[in-house]
Protein backbone atom coordinates (compact mmCIF):
# COMPACT_ATOMS: atom_id res chain seq x y z
CA UNK A 1 0.00 0.00 0.00
CA UNK A 2 1.22 3.51 -0.79
CA UNK A 3 2.06 5.81 2.09
CA UNK A 4 -0.19 8.83 2.49
CA UNK A 5 2.55 11.12 1.14
CA UNK A 6 3.09 8.87 -1.89
CA UNK A 7 -0.65 8.79 -2.50
CA UNK A 8 -0.89 12.57 -2.26
CA UNK A 9 1.97 13.00 -4.74
CA UNK A 10 0.41 10.49 -7.15
CA UNK A 11 -2.91 12.32 -6.98
CA UNK A 12 -1.42 15.77 -7.59
CA UNK A 13 0.80 14.58 -10.45
CA UNK A 14 -2.12 12.83 -12.09
CA UNK A 15 -4.47 15.79 -11.89
CA UNK A 16 -1.83 18.16 -13.25
CA UNK A 17 -0.99 15.91 -16.19
CA UNK A 18 -4.60 15.79 -17.44
CA UNK A 19 -4.61 19.56 -17.62
CA UNK A 20 -1.21 19.63 -19.33
CA UNK A 21 -2.61 17.38 -22.07
CA UNK A 22 -5.49 19.81 -22.60
CA UNK A 23 -3.29 22.91 -22.52
CA UNK A 24 -2.59 22.51 -26.26
CA UNK A 25 -6.28 22.74 -27.16
CA UNK A 26 -8.39 25.67 -28.28
CA UNK A 27 -11.67 26.14 -26.42
CA UNK A 28 -13.65 24.91 -29.43
CA UNK A 29 -11.76 21.59 -29.39
CA UNK A 30 -13.12 20.66 -25.95
CA UNK A 31 -16.70 20.01 -27.07
CA UNK A 32 -16.41 17.98 -30.29
CA UNK A 33 -17.61 14.35 -30.47
CA UNK A 34 -17.28 12.97 -34.02
CA UNK A 35 -18.31 9.37 -33.16
CA UNK A 36 -19.71 7.46 -30.20
CA UNK A 37 -16.37 5.97 -29.10
CA UNK A 38 -14.72 9.39 -28.87
CA UNK A 39 -15.67 11.64 -25.96
CA UNK A 40 -15.15 15.42 -25.88
CA UNK A 41 -12.04 16.47 -23.90
CA UNK A 42 -14.28 18.54 -21.63
CA UNK A 43 -16.20 15.41 -20.68
CA UNK A 44 -13.02 13.51 -19.76
CA UNK A 45 -11.95 16.34 -17.44
CA UNK A 46 -15.36 16.34 -15.79
CA UNK A 47 -15.73 12.56 -15.56
CA UNK A 48 -12.37 12.01 -13.86
CA UNK A 49 -13.34 14.73 -11.39
CA UNK A 50 -16.77 13.20 -10.75
CA UNK A 51 -15.06 9.88 -9.93
CA UNK A 52 -13.24 11.39 -6.95
CA UNK A 53 -16.30 13.34 -5.85
CA UNK A 54 -18.61 10.32 -6.10
CA UNK A 55 -16.43 7.55 -4.68
CA UNK A 56 -14.20 9.48 -2.26
CA UNK A 57 -15.44 12.89 -1.15
CA UNK A 58 -19.14 12.05 -0.81
CA UNK A 59 -18.33 8.98 1.26
CA UNK A 60 -15.25 9.94 3.26
CA UNK A 61 -14.83 13.72 3.49
CA UNK A 62 -16.49 15.36 6.48
CA UNK A 63 -19.12 17.98 5.63
CA UNK A 64 -18.37 17.82 1.91
CA UNK A 65 -20.72 19.92 -0.23
CA UNK A 66 -21.32 18.94 -3.86
CA UNK A 67 -20.05 21.48 -6.36
CA UNK A 68 -23.25 21.07 -8.38
CA UNK A 69 -26.15 18.64 -8.02
CA UNK A 70 -26.13 17.88 -11.78
CA UNK A 71 -22.48 16.78 -11.95
CA UNK A 72 -23.24 13.09 -11.52
CA UNK A 73 -25.85 13.08 -14.29
CA UNK A 74 -23.54 14.83 -16.75
CA UNK A 75 -20.27 13.04 -15.97
CA UNK A 76 -21.17 9.47 -14.97
CA UNK A 77 -20.07 7.05 -17.68
CA UNK A 78 -21.17 3.41 -17.37
CA UNK A 79 -21.78 3.03 -13.62
CA UNK A 80 -25.41 1.92 -13.79
CA UNK A 81 -25.63 1.35 -10.03
CA UNK A 82 -24.75 4.99 -9.28
CA UNK A 83 -27.66 6.60 -11.09
CA UNK A 84 -28.94 8.22 -14.27
CA UNK A 85 -26.53 9.67 -16.82
CA UNK A 86 -26.29 11.41 -20.17
CA UNK A 87 -26.10 8.72 -22.84
CA UNK A 88 -22.69 8.32 -24.45
CA UNK A 89 -23.73 9.51 -27.90
CA UNK A 90 -24.97 12.82 -26.47
CA UNK A 91 -21.78 13.94 -24.75
CA UNK A 92 -20.94 16.19 -27.69
CA UNK A 93 -24.27 17.99 -27.33
CA UNK A 94 -23.23 19.44 -23.99
CA UNK A 95 -22.29 23.01 -24.85
CA UNK A 96 -23.11 23.62 -21.18
CA UNK A 97 -21.61 23.28 -18.67
CA UNK A 98 -18.87 25.41 -20.18
CA UNK A 99 -15.17 24.61 -20.32
CA UNK A 100 -14.57 27.32 -17.71
CA UNK A 101 -17.17 25.67 -15.45
CA UNK A 102 -15.48 22.27 -15.82
CA UNK A 103 -12.14 23.73 -14.76
CA UNK A 104 -13.80 25.36 -11.74
CA UNK A 105 -15.29 21.98 -10.90
CA UNK A 106 -11.88 20.31 -11.22
CA UNK A 107 -10.23 22.91 -9.01
CA UNK A 108 -12.96 22.57 -6.38
CA UNK A 109 -12.66 18.77 -6.19
CA UNK A 110 -8.85 18.75 -6.44
CA UNK A 111 -8.63 21.20 -3.54
CA UNK A 112 -11.05 19.13 -1.44
CA UNK A 113 -9.08 15.96 -2.19
CA UNK A 114 -5.78 17.65 -1.29
CA UNK A 115 -7.24 18.76 2.04
CA UNK A 116 -8.52 15.25 2.74
CA UNK A 117 -5.12 13.74 1.96
CA UNK A 118 -3.36 16.33 4.13
CA UNK A 119 -5.61 16.43 7.18
CA UNK A 120 -7.42 13.07 7.38
CA UNK A 121 -5.97 9.65 8.18
CA UNK A 122 -6.42 7.49 5.10
CA UNK A 123 -7.54 3.91 5.73
CA UNK A 124 -6.30 1.02 3.62
CA UNK A 125 -9.71 0.81 1.95
CA UNK A 126 -9.75 4.51 1.08
CA UNK A 127 -6.15 4.39 -0.12
CA UNK A 128 -7.16 1.66 -2.54
CA UNK A 129 -10.07 3.69 -3.91
CA UNK A 130 -7.96 6.84 -4.39
CA UNK A 131 -5.22 4.82 -6.09
CA UNK A 132 -7.79 3.30 -8.45
CA UNK A 133 -9.08 6.83 -9.08
CA UNK A 134 -5.60 8.00 -10.07
CA UNK A 135 -5.11 5.09 -12.45
CA UNK A 136 -8.62 5.60 -13.78
CA UNK A 137 -7.61 9.17 -14.62
CA UNK A 138 -4.41 7.90 -16.24
CA UNK A 139 -6.57 5.71 -18.48
CA UNK A 140 -8.54 8.81 -19.44
CA UNK A 141 -5.31 10.67 -20.16
CA UNK A 142 -4.60 8.11 -22.87
CA UNK A 143 -8.18 8.41 -24.08
CA UNK A 144 -7.79 12.20 -24.10
CA UNK A 145 -4.81 11.96 -26.45
CA UNK A 146 -6.41 9.42 -28.77
CA UNK A 147 -9.77 11.21 -28.75
CA UNK A 148 -8.04 14.53 -29.47
CA UNK A 149 -6.22 12.86 -32.37
CA UNK A 150 -9.52 11.57 -33.75
CA UNK A 151 -11.19 14.96 -33.35
CA UNK A 152 -8.37 16.87 -35.07
CA UNK A 153 -7.57 14.08 -37.53
CA UNK A 154 -11.12 14.25 -38.86
CA UNK A 155 -10.95 18.01 -39.22
CA UNK A 156 -10.34 18.72 -42.95
CA UNK A 157 -7.59 21.20 -42.00
CA UNK A 158 -5.64 18.49 -40.10
CA UNK A 159 -4.56 20.92 -37.37
CA UNK A 160 -1.45 20.40 -35.24
CA UNK A 161 -2.04 19.43 -31.61
CA UNK A 162 1.56 19.45 -30.32
CA UNK A 163 4.64 19.42 -32.54
CA UNK A 164 6.69 17.89 -29.71
CA UNK A 165 4.54 14.76 -29.32
CA UNK A 166 6.55 11.80 -30.61
CA UNK A 167 4.30 8.96 -31.69
CA UNK A 168 6.53 7.06 -34.13
CA UNK A 169 9.60 5.70 -32.31
CA UNK A 170 11.89 3.63 -34.53
CA UNK A 171 12.83 0.08 -33.56
CA UNK A 172 16.55 0.44 -34.29
CA UNK A 173 17.58 -3.15 -33.72
CA UNK A 174 17.81 -6.35 -35.75
CA UNK A 175 14.64 -8.40 -36.24
CA UNK A 176 14.75 -11.78 -34.52
CA UNK A 177 12.53 -14.68 -33.57
CA UNK A 178 12.57 -15.46 -29.85
CA UNK A 179 12.14 -19.16 -29.06
CA UNK A 180 10.08 -20.18 -26.05
CA UNK A 181 10.18 -23.81 -24.98
CA UNK A 182 7.16 -25.95 -24.31
CA UNK A 183 6.20 -26.02 -20.66
CA UNK A 184 3.95 -24.95 -17.81
CA UNK A 185 4.19 -21.27 -16.92
CA UNK A 186 2.59 -18.90 -14.43
CA UNK A 187 0.75 -15.77 -15.57
CA UNK A 188 -1.02 -13.02 -13.67
CA UNK A 189 -0.02 -10.19 -11.35
CA UNK A 190 2.26 -11.35 -8.52
CA UNK A 191 3.69 -8.23 -6.85
CA UNK A 192 2.17 -5.88 -4.28
CA UNK A 193 2.21 -3.00 -6.75
CA UNK A 194 -1.03 -1.61 -8.17
CA UNK A 195 -2.97 -3.69 -10.66
CA UNK A 196 -6.59 -4.05 -11.76
CA UNK A 197 -8.75 -6.93 -10.59
CA UNK A 198 -8.71 -8.55 -14.04
CA UNK A 199 -4.95 -9.20 -13.65
CA UNK A 200 -5.31 -11.08 -10.36
CA UNK A 201 -5.53 -14.82 -10.02
CA UNK A 202 -2.01 -16.10 -10.72
CA UNK A 203 -2.49 -19.37 -12.54
CA UNK A 204 -0.61 -21.93 -14.59
CA UNK A 205 -0.87 -22.27 -18.37
CA UNK A 206 0.58 -24.90 -20.64
CA UNK A 207 2.28 -23.54 -23.75
CA UNK A 208 3.59 -25.48 -26.74
CA UNK A 209 6.90 -24.50 -28.31
CA UNK A 210 6.50 -21.16 -30.08
CA UNK A 211 8.44 -18.26 -31.48
CA UNK A 212 7.58 -14.58 -31.14
CA UNK A 213 9.05 -11.62 -32.99
CA UNK A 214 11.22 -9.20 -31.06
CA UNK A 215 9.91 -6.36 -33.29
CA UNK A 216 6.51 -4.92 -34.05
CA UNK A 217 5.30 -4.97 -37.65
CA UNK A 218 6.39 -1.74 -39.38
CA UNK A 219 4.66 0.62 -41.79
CA UNK A 220 6.93 -0.57 -44.59
CA UNK A 221 5.93 -4.19 -43.99
CA UNK A 222 2.27 -3.25 -43.82
CA UNK A 223 2.47 -1.39 -47.14
CA UNK A 224 3.54 -4.68 -48.75
CA UNK A 225 0.34 -6.25 -47.41
CA UNK A 226 -1.71 -3.44 -48.96
CA UNK A 227 0.10 -3.43 -52.30
CA UNK A 228 -0.17 -7.20 -52.77
CA UNK A 229 -3.94 -7.03 -52.32
CA UNK A 230 -4.27 -8.02 -48.68
CA UNK A 231 -7.42 -5.97 -48.27
CA UNK A 232 -9.00 -7.69 -51.27
CA UNK A 233 -8.28 -11.34 -50.43
CA UNK A 234 -11.32 -12.77 -48.67
CA UNK A 235 -9.35 -15.87 -47.63
CA UNK A 236 -7.24 -13.81 -45.21
CA UNK A 237 -10.15 -12.40 -43.23
CA UNK A 238 -12.65 -13.49 -40.63
CA UNK A 239 -16.18 -13.31 -42.02
CA UNK A 240 -17.05 -10.54 -39.57
CA UNK A 241 -13.85 -8.68 -40.43
CA UNK A 242 -14.54 -8.96 -44.16
CA UNK A 243 -18.04 -7.52 -43.66
CA UNK A 244 -16.66 -4.70 -41.49
CA UNK A 245 -13.97 -3.86 -44.07
CA UNK A 246 -16.46 -3.74 -46.94
CA UNK A 247 -19.19 -1.89 -45.02
CA UNK A 248 -16.78 0.87 -43.97
CA UNK A 249 -14.62 0.84 -47.12
CA UNK A 250 -11.43 0.11 -45.17
CA UNK A 251 -8.26 -0.15 -47.28
CA UNK A 252 -5.48 1.14 -45.00
CA UNK A 253 -4.84 1.97 -41.31
CA UNK A 254 -6.58 4.97 -39.78
CA UNK A 255 -4.93 8.34 -40.43
CA UNK A 256 -3.16 7.14 -43.62
CA UNK A 257 -3.64 9.36 -46.68
CA UNK A 258 -2.35 9.02 -50.23
CA UNK A 259 -1.13 12.48 -51.33
CA UNK A 260 0.35 12.84 -54.83
CA UNK A 261 0.92 9.09 -54.92
CA UNK A 262 2.79 8.86 -51.59
CA UNK A 263 1.57 7.68 -48.21
CA UNK A 264 1.21 10.29 -45.47
CA UNK A 265 0.02 9.96 -41.89
CA UNK A 266 -1.85 12.39 -39.70
CA UNK A 267 -0.16 12.58 -36.31
CA UNK A 268 -0.65 14.71 -33.22
CA UNK A 269 2.22 16.77 -34.65
CA UNK A 270 0.33 17.29 -37.92
CA UNK A 271 0.39 15.62 -41.34
CA UNK A 272 3.75 13.99 -42.17
CA UNK A 273 5.21 11.63 -44.76
CA UNK A 274 4.72 8.07 -43.54
CA UNK A 275 7.80 6.82 -41.68
CA UNK A 276 8.57 3.37 -43.16
CA UNK A 277 10.43 1.96 -40.15
CA UNK A 278 7.93 3.11 -37.51
CA UNK A 279 5.59 0.47 -36.05
CA UNK A 280 2.24 0.39 -37.81
CA UNK A 281 -0.56 1.83 -35.68
CA UNK A 282 -4.31 2.39 -35.60
CA UNK A 283 -5.27 -1.00 -37.00
CA UNK A 284 -8.14 -3.20 -35.87
CA UNK A 285 -7.87 -6.79 -34.67
CA UNK A 286 -9.44 -7.80 -37.98
CA UNK A 287 -6.58 -6.14 -39.89
CA UNK A 288 -3.93 -7.57 -37.53
CA UNK A 289 -5.35 -11.07 -38.01
CA UNK A 290 -5.49 -10.71 -41.82
CA UNK A 291 -1.89 -9.45 -41.94
CA UNK A 292 -0.70 -12.41 -39.84
CA UNK A 293 -2.56 -14.81 -42.15
CA UNK A 294 -0.95 -13.17 -45.17
CA UNK A 295 2.49 -13.74 -43.60
CA UNK A 296 1.64 -17.37 -42.85
CA UNK A 297 1.98 -16.64 -39.15
CA UNK A 298 -0.36 -15.64 -36.30
CA UNK A 299 -0.93 -13.33 -33.37
CA UNK A 300 0.39 -14.46 -29.96
CA UNK A 301 -1.99 -15.35 -27.18
CA UNK A 302 -1.85 -13.08 -24.15
CA UNK A 303 -0.14 -15.82 -22.12
CA UNK A 304 2.51 -16.25 -24.83
CA UNK A 305 3.03 -12.47 -24.87
CA UNK A 306 3.36 -12.26 -21.08
CA UNK A 307 5.85 -15.13 -20.81
CA UNK A 308 8.07 -13.70 -23.57
CA UNK A 309 7.75 -9.95 -22.88
CA UNK A 310 10.93 -9.62 -20.80
CA UNK A 311 12.92 -10.54 -23.92
CA UNK A 312 11.64 -7.74 -26.18
CA UNK A 313 10.88 -4.03 -26.02
CA UNK A 314 7.25 -3.07 -25.69
CA UNK A 315 5.23 0.04 -24.91
CA UNK A 316 4.93 2.04 -28.14
CA UNK A 317 1.81 0.26 -29.43
CA UNK A 318 -0.97 -1.68 -27.79
CA UNK A 319 -0.52 -5.15 -29.26
CA UNK A 320 -3.49 -7.20 -30.41
CA UNK A 321 -3.45 -10.78 -29.15
CA UNK A 322 -5.43 -13.83 -30.20
CA UNK A 323 -7.02 -14.06 -26.74
CA UNK A 324 -10.62 -13.30 -25.95
CA UNK A 325 -11.09 -11.06 -22.90
CA UNK A 326 -12.34 -13.44 -20.24
CA UNK A 327 -11.91 -13.84 -16.47
CA UNK A 328 -8.90 -15.47 -14.89
CA UNK A 329 -9.60 -18.43 -12.53
CA UNK A 330 -11.47 -17.41 -9.36
CA UNK A 331 -12.12 -13.88 -10.66
CA UNK A 332 -14.70 -12.01 -8.60
CA UNK A 333 -16.07 -8.53 -9.17
CA UNK A 334 -15.68 -6.08 -6.31
CA UNK A 335 -18.63 -5.10 -4.16
CA UNK A 336 -20.62 -2.00 -5.12
CA UNK A 337 -20.24 0.35 -8.06
CA UNK A 338 -16.49 -0.26 -8.46
CA UNK A 339 -17.40 -3.84 -9.32
CA UNK A 340 -18.58 -2.48 -12.68
CA UNK A 341 -15.03 -1.48 -13.59
CA UNK A 342 -13.79 -4.53 -15.55
CA UNK A 343 -15.86 -7.67 -15.14
CA UNK A 344 -18.96 -6.45 -16.97
CA UNK A 345 -16.95 -6.03 -20.19
CA UNK A 346 -15.73 -9.63 -20.40
CA UNK A 347 -17.63 -10.47 -23.58
CA UNK A 348 -17.01 -10.02 -27.33
CA UNK A 349 -13.65 -8.26 -26.86
CA UNK A 350 -10.00 -9.05 -27.57
CA UNK A 351 -7.07 -8.57 -25.18
CA UNK A 352 -4.25 -6.15 -26.03
CA UNK A 353 -0.95 -6.12 -24.20
CA UNK A 354 1.88 -3.66 -23.61
CA UNK A 355 1.09 0.04 -23.75
CA UNK A 356 1.42 2.90 -26.21
CA UNK A 357 3.08 6.24 -26.78
CA UNK A 358 -0.09 7.74 -25.28
CA UNK A 359 -0.04 5.67 -22.08
CA UNK A 360 0.77 7.73 -19.00
CA UNK A 361 3.81 7.15 -16.81
CA UNK A 362 3.46 4.61 -14.00
CA UNK A 363 0.55 2.98 -15.80
CA UNK A 364 2.11 0.04 -17.66
CA UNK A 365 3.17 -3.39 -16.46
CA UNK A 366 3.66 -6.84 -18.02
CA UNK A 367 0.34 -8.17 -16.69
CA UNK A 368 -1.88 -5.24 -17.82
CA UNK A 369 -4.90 -6.57 -19.76
CA UNK A 370 -6.32 -3.92 -22.06
CA UNK A 371 -9.38 -4.87 -24.10
CA UNK A 372 -11.33 -3.55 -27.07
CA UNK A 373 -13.89 -4.73 -29.60
CA UNK A 374 -12.19 -6.21 -32.69
CA UNK A 375 -13.19 -3.40 -35.07
CA UNK A 376 -11.87 -0.49 -32.99
CA UNK A 377 -8.67 1.26 -34.06
CA UNK A 378 -8.63 4.81 -32.74
CA UNK A 379 -6.09 3.76 -30.11
CA UNK A 380 -2.38 3.30 -30.94
CA UNK A 381 -2.88 -0.37 -31.78
CA UNK A 382 -0.34 -2.50 -33.65
CA UNK A 383 0.82 -6.11 -33.84
CA UNK A 384 3.66 -8.50 -33.12
CA UNK A 385 3.79 -11.83 -34.92
CA UNK A 386 4.15 -15.32 -33.50
CA UNK A 387 4.56 -18.76 -35.05
């Protein structure tokens, strides 16, 4: 368990970083919601504030007064047991409350939390809730960056968010296949450090001999897949993936644009020429699977990824795996509203491992189980091959 001073520092750093991310925005950028999966930046700032008000201050702070009685309705997300909420598709309709109001709300709650952490003895239970709240906000920091990219990347002017944001690190080392021997291995979170409940339940898995690439698939490699007709070969695709591709006219990763015959990519630093040696990003599971089929290889399972991860570099792209998102042995949801955090989503989704250039500091670990529906690709998602 974190000490109270460590918890206070984590809270303050986390709150400040969310606002740093938004400091590059214009006021008009805060309200846009192009599609259901993308939330307006203003909503993220309010939602992460509501979390601390709802689960900490209302329950544990003496004589706490709500900033506004409508906050819960506007900024609740999927916590059905907490009460009514604005439906997800309508978040972009909220011209009010204003951006200025949201920042006042954040300041009010941040100040109240700081006072609680400074003047009140924090129990082990409360420490756990506040720590979850900080990591919950770190998740939304990544969503802020990827949602901002979607908002600006679908603006016909392709505006720059931040020229200094580096989203295409080069893997400057030799490609290799890492051999893992057949055997029984343990997976799951083992240390006392923070993790989510879906990582708990250390258990044994049997793995056959396999090999896994030490490098992520690059843009250059993915272009070969495109140019040899990978998007047109039905035999490479799942039936559902083929339907998705045709329905949405998908023929390249998100944010790729052909300009004067050359591939370009919209990035948070603006439109650039595609970097051949950068890891491919913003692809769906369907595309990752089809690429692996085209190569005559496959995606690793999450257990294979976890056992091998100490032998390769990871963290620039969330990596699609072949594993369905399901509970580990003896998984139990927590009591109350926080029990809605992970368990209720264990259906129809695929596990991703690693982290991305948008993942906040102190928020990655080898056992982290991210999860998304197979068609989604607005996150920095890529792939690593296995065989």
